[in-house]
Amino acid sequence: MDVQTEELVPRFDDVYRAHFQSLVVQLYAYVGDMTEAQDLVQEAFSRAWPRWDKIARYDDPVSWLRRVAWNTATSRWRRLRTARKYLERQRPENVPGPGPDRVALAAALATLPANQRRAVVLHHMADLSINEIALECEVAPGTVKSWLHRARIALAARLGDTGPDAAAPGSTVRKPPEPTSRMEVI
């Protein structure tokens, strides 16, 4: 390339300084968002930089930059439109919030010591046996039984005993008769 040709080819820095703001204004009018317009023009300049030697020889390199910025904006809109249409086709899943019983249970479980809470969750929700819990927690099965017993007492006190053995409101609780002989216990 000779000296005369080099003088006719605009330098990247000069084009950037001279045209960045005017391109941003044009893209802002197109997209309606100043930050988006700046990003689009910056993207166009970023794509021009690696091949500037070729682009600089075009009759109007600024037109190339403008076209790239506009095409990028259009591509983004198309992607957003496709994503929006996809989301519109999805059926909304209306899941009701947790009921008052579940909220109360979660609050009561949160008050238990960690080992008792873990034992209750593993036994009643994960359906693990006492021996499986003992293996997982690396404790004796008797310890797990103790944790479960203490946790059930604490939960019953916090939640109010509403199980099948609970008395109806306003009724009196009858204790079962005491066994009179050892045979009745077995």
Protein backbone atom coordinates (compact mmCIF):
# COMPACT_ATOMS: atom_id res chain seq x y z
CA MET A 1 0.00 0.00 0.00
CA ASP A 2 1.45 3.35 -0.90
CA VAL A 3 1.39 6.57 1.12
CA GLN A 4 -1.29 8.16 -1.04
CA THR A 5 -3.72 5.20 -0.52
CA GLU A 6 -3.05 5.16 3.23
CA GLU A 7 -4.15 8.77 3.53
CA LEU A 8 -7.51 7.99 1.88
CA VAL A 9 -8.29 5.08 4.24
CA PRO A 10 -9.95 6.37 7.42
CA ARG A 11 -8.43 5.25 10.70
CA PHE A 12 -10.65 3.27 13.06
CA ASP A 13 -10.13 5.73 15.95
CA ASP A 14 -11.07 8.68 13.77
CA VAL A 15 -14.27 7.03 12.52
CA TYR A 16 -15.18 6.00 16.07
CA ARG A 17 -14.73 9.53 17.44
CA ALA A 18 -16.52 11.15 14.51
CA HIS A 19 -19.52 8.84 14.17
CA PHE A 20 -20.18 6.94 17.41
CA GLN A 21 -22.52 9.56 18.87
CA SER A 22 -24.45 10.17 15.66
CA LEU A 23 -24.95 6.41 15.20
CA VAL A 24 -26.16 6.12 18.79
CA VAL A 25 -28.71 8.89 18.18
CA GLN A 26 -29.95 7.11 15.04
CA LEU A 27 -30.23 3.75 16.82
CA TYR A 28 -31.90 5.41 19.81
CA ALA A 29 -34.61 6.69 17.48
CA TYR A 30 -35.00 3.14 16.17
CA VAL A 31 -34.99 1.16 19.44
CA GLY A 32 -36.19 3.79 21.93
CA ASP A 33 -33.61 2.93 24.61
CA MET A 34 -30.36 4.89 24.94
CA THR A 35 -28.43 2.11 26.67
CA GLU A 36 -29.55 -0.43 24.08
CA ALA A 37 -28.58 1.96 21.28
CA GLN A 38 -25.12 2.44 22.76
CA ASP A 39 -24.70 -1.33 23.09
CA LEU A 40 -25.75 -1.89 19.48
CA VAL A 41 -23.36 0.70 18.08
CA GLN A 42 -20.56 -0.61 20.27
CA GLU A 43 -21.27 -4.11 18.98
CA ALA A 44 -21.03 -2.85 15.40
CA PHE A 45 -17.67 -1.22 16.09
CA SER A 46 -16.49 -4.40 17.85
CA ARG A 47 -17.34 -6.44 14.79
CA ALA A 48 -15.61 -3.93 12.51
CA TRP A 49 -12.34 -3.80 14.45
CA PRO A 50 -10.86 -7.19 13.42
CA ARG A 51 -11.55 -6.52 9.72
CA TRP A 52 -11.07 -2.77 9.67
CA ASP A 53 -8.46 -2.91 6.88
CA LYS A 54 -11.13 -4.27 4.54
CA ILE A 55 -14.06 -2.17 5.83
CA ALA A 56 -12.06 1.05 5.72
CA ARG A 57 -11.72 0.66 1.95
CA TYR A 58 -15.51 0.60 1.43
CA ASP A 59 -17.02 3.68 -0.16
CA ASP A 60 -18.84 4.41 3.11
CA PRO A 61 -17.61 2.43 6.16
CA VAL A 62 -20.09 4.28 8.38
CA SER A 63 -22.96 2.78 6.36
CA TRP A 64 -21.53 -0.66 7.08
CA LEU A 65 -21.43 0.15 10.81
CA ARG A 66 -25.00 1.47 10.73
CA ARG A 67 -26.26 -1.61 8.86
CA VAL A 68 -24.57 -3.97 11.34
CA ALA A 69 -26.05 -2.07 14.31
CA TRP A 70 -29.54 -2.09 12.78
CA ASN A 71 -29.31 -5.78 11.87
CA THR A 72 -28.17 -6.58 15.41
CA ALA A 73 -31.16 -4.69 16.82
CA THR A 74 -33.53 -6.56 14.51
CA SER A 75 -31.97 -9.90 15.45
CA ARG A 76 -32.39 -9.16 19.15
CA TRP A 77 -36.03 -8.25 18.62
CA ARG A 78 -36.62 -11.45 16.70
CA ARG A 79 -35.05 -13.52 19.48
CA LEU A 80 -37.12 -11.72 22.10
CA ARG A 81 -40.29 -12.17 20.03
CA THR A 82 -39.60 -15.89 19.63
CA ALA A 83 -38.95 -16.26 23.35
CA ARG A 84 -42.14 -14.33 24.20
CA LYS A 85 -44.23 -16.48 21.86
CA TYR A 86 -42.76 -19.62 23.39
CA LEU A 87 -43.61 -18.40 26.88
CA GLU A 88 -47.14 -17.49 25.79
CA ARG A 89 -47.68 -21.05 24.52
CA GLN A 90 -46.73 -22.51 27.88
CA ARG A 91 -49.63 -23.17 30.14
CA PRO A 92 -49.38 -21.21 33.33
CA GLU A 93 -49.17 -23.47 36.30
CA ASN A 94 -51.23 -22.06 39.11
CA VAL A 95 -50.02 -23.70 42.26
CA PRO A 96 -51.79 -22.69 45.42
CA GLY A 97 -49.62 -21.58 48.30
CA PRO A 98 -49.11 -23.79 51.30
CA GLY A 99 -52.10 -24.26 53.53
CA PRO A 100 -52.20 -23.13 57.13
CA ASP A 101 -51.41 -26.66 58.37
CA ARG A 102 -48.25 -26.85 56.28
CA VAL A 103 -47.14 -23.39 57.42
CA ALA A 104 -47.74 -24.33 61.04
CA LEU A 105 -45.84 -27.62 60.60
CA ALA A 106 -42.89 -25.89 58.95
CA ALA A 107 -42.77 -23.33 61.75
CA ALA A 108 -42.97 -26.06 64.39
CA LEU A 109 -40.25 -28.12 62.69
CA ALA A 110 -38.02 -25.05 62.62
CA THR A 111 -38.14 -24.86 66.40
CA LEU A 112 -36.83 -28.42 66.86
CA PRO A 113 -33.15 -29.13 67.41
CA ALA A 114 -31.42 -30.10 64.16
CA ASN A 115 -31.02 -33.81 65.00
CA GLN A 116 -34.69 -34.20 65.96
CA ARG A 117 -35.86 -32.29 62.89
CA ARG A 118 -33.66 -34.46 60.66
CA ALA A 119 -34.99 -37.65 62.22
CA VAL A 120 -38.63 -36.55 61.77
CA VAL A 121 -38.10 -35.50 58.16
CA LEU A 122 -36.20 -38.67 57.24
CA HIS A 123 -38.67 -40.97 58.98
CA HIS A 124 -42.00 -39.37 58.06
CA MET A 125 -41.23 -37.66 54.77
CA ALA A 126 -38.45 -39.77 53.24
CA ASP A 127 -39.93 -43.00 54.63
CA LEU A 128 -36.63 -44.22 56.05
CA SER A 129 -36.65 -46.80 58.79
CA ILE A 130 -35.11 -46.12 62.19
CA ASN A 131 -32.13 -48.33 61.28
CA GLU A 132 -31.61 -46.46 57.97
CA ILE A 133 -31.69 -43.13 59.78
CA ALA A 134 -29.23 -44.45 62.36
CA LEU A 135 -26.85 -45.49 59.59
CA GLU A 136 -27.14 -42.16 57.82
CA CYS A 137 -26.66 -40.15 61.01
CA GLU A 138 -23.99 -42.54 62.32
CA VAL A 139 -25.75 -43.06 65.67
CA ALA A 140 -27.38 -45.97 67.45
CA PRO A 141 -30.99 -46.86 66.57
CA GLY A 142 -31.96 -46.09 70.17
CA THR A 143 -30.74 -42.54 69.69
CA VAL A 144 -32.95 -42.13 66.65
CA LYS A 145 -35.94 -43.48 68.60
CA SER A 146 -35.20 -40.97 71.35
CA TRP A 147 -34.96 -38.10 68.85
CA LEU A 148 -38.26 -39.12 67.24
CA HIS A 149 -40.00 -39.46 70.60
CA ARG A 150 -38.83 -36.05 71.81
CA ALA A 151 -39.64 -34.43 68.49
CA ARG A 152 -43.17 -35.86 68.46
CA ILE A 153 -43.82 -34.57 71.97
CA ALA A 154 -42.53 -31.12 71.06
CA LEU A 155 -44.52 -31.03 67.82
CA ALA A 156 -47.70 -32.16 69.56
CA ALA A 157 -47.28 -29.41 72.13
CA ARG A 158 -46.68 -26.75 69.47
CA LEU A 159 -49.34 -27.88 67.04
CA GLY A 160 -51.95 -29.15 69.45
CA ASP A 161 -52.69 -32.87 69.23
CA THR A 162 -55.14 -33.21 66.35
CA GLY A 163 -54.51 -36.85 65.58
CA PRO A 164 -57.12 -39.63 65.58
CA ASP A 165 -56.66 -40.18 69.31
CA ALA A 166 -57.24 -36.53 70.15
CA ALA A 167 -60.38 -35.60 71.96
CA ALA A 168 -62.98 -33.47 70.27
CA PRO A 169 -63.20 -29.90 71.51
CA GLY A 170 -65.29 -29.68 74.66
CA SER A 171 -65.10 -33.41 75.44
CA THR A 172 -63.21 -35.04 78.26
CA VAL A 173 -60.30 -37.35 77.65
CA ARG A 174 -60.71 -40.84 79.07
CA LYS A 175 -57.68 -42.86 79.93
CA PRO A 176 -57.70 -46.55 79.13
CA PRO A 177 -58.11 -48.76 82.19
CA GLU A 178 -54.92 -49.85 83.89
CA PRO A 179 -54.06 -53.51 83.37
CA THR A 180 -54.56 -55.61 86.49
CA SER A 181 -52.29 -58.48 85.62
CA ARG A 182 -49.18 -59.08 83.54
CA MET A 183 -51.19 -61.07 81.00
CA GLU A 184 -53.34 -58.09 80.13
CA VAL A 185 -50.23 -56.06 79.26
CA ILE A 186 -49.07 -58.59 76.68
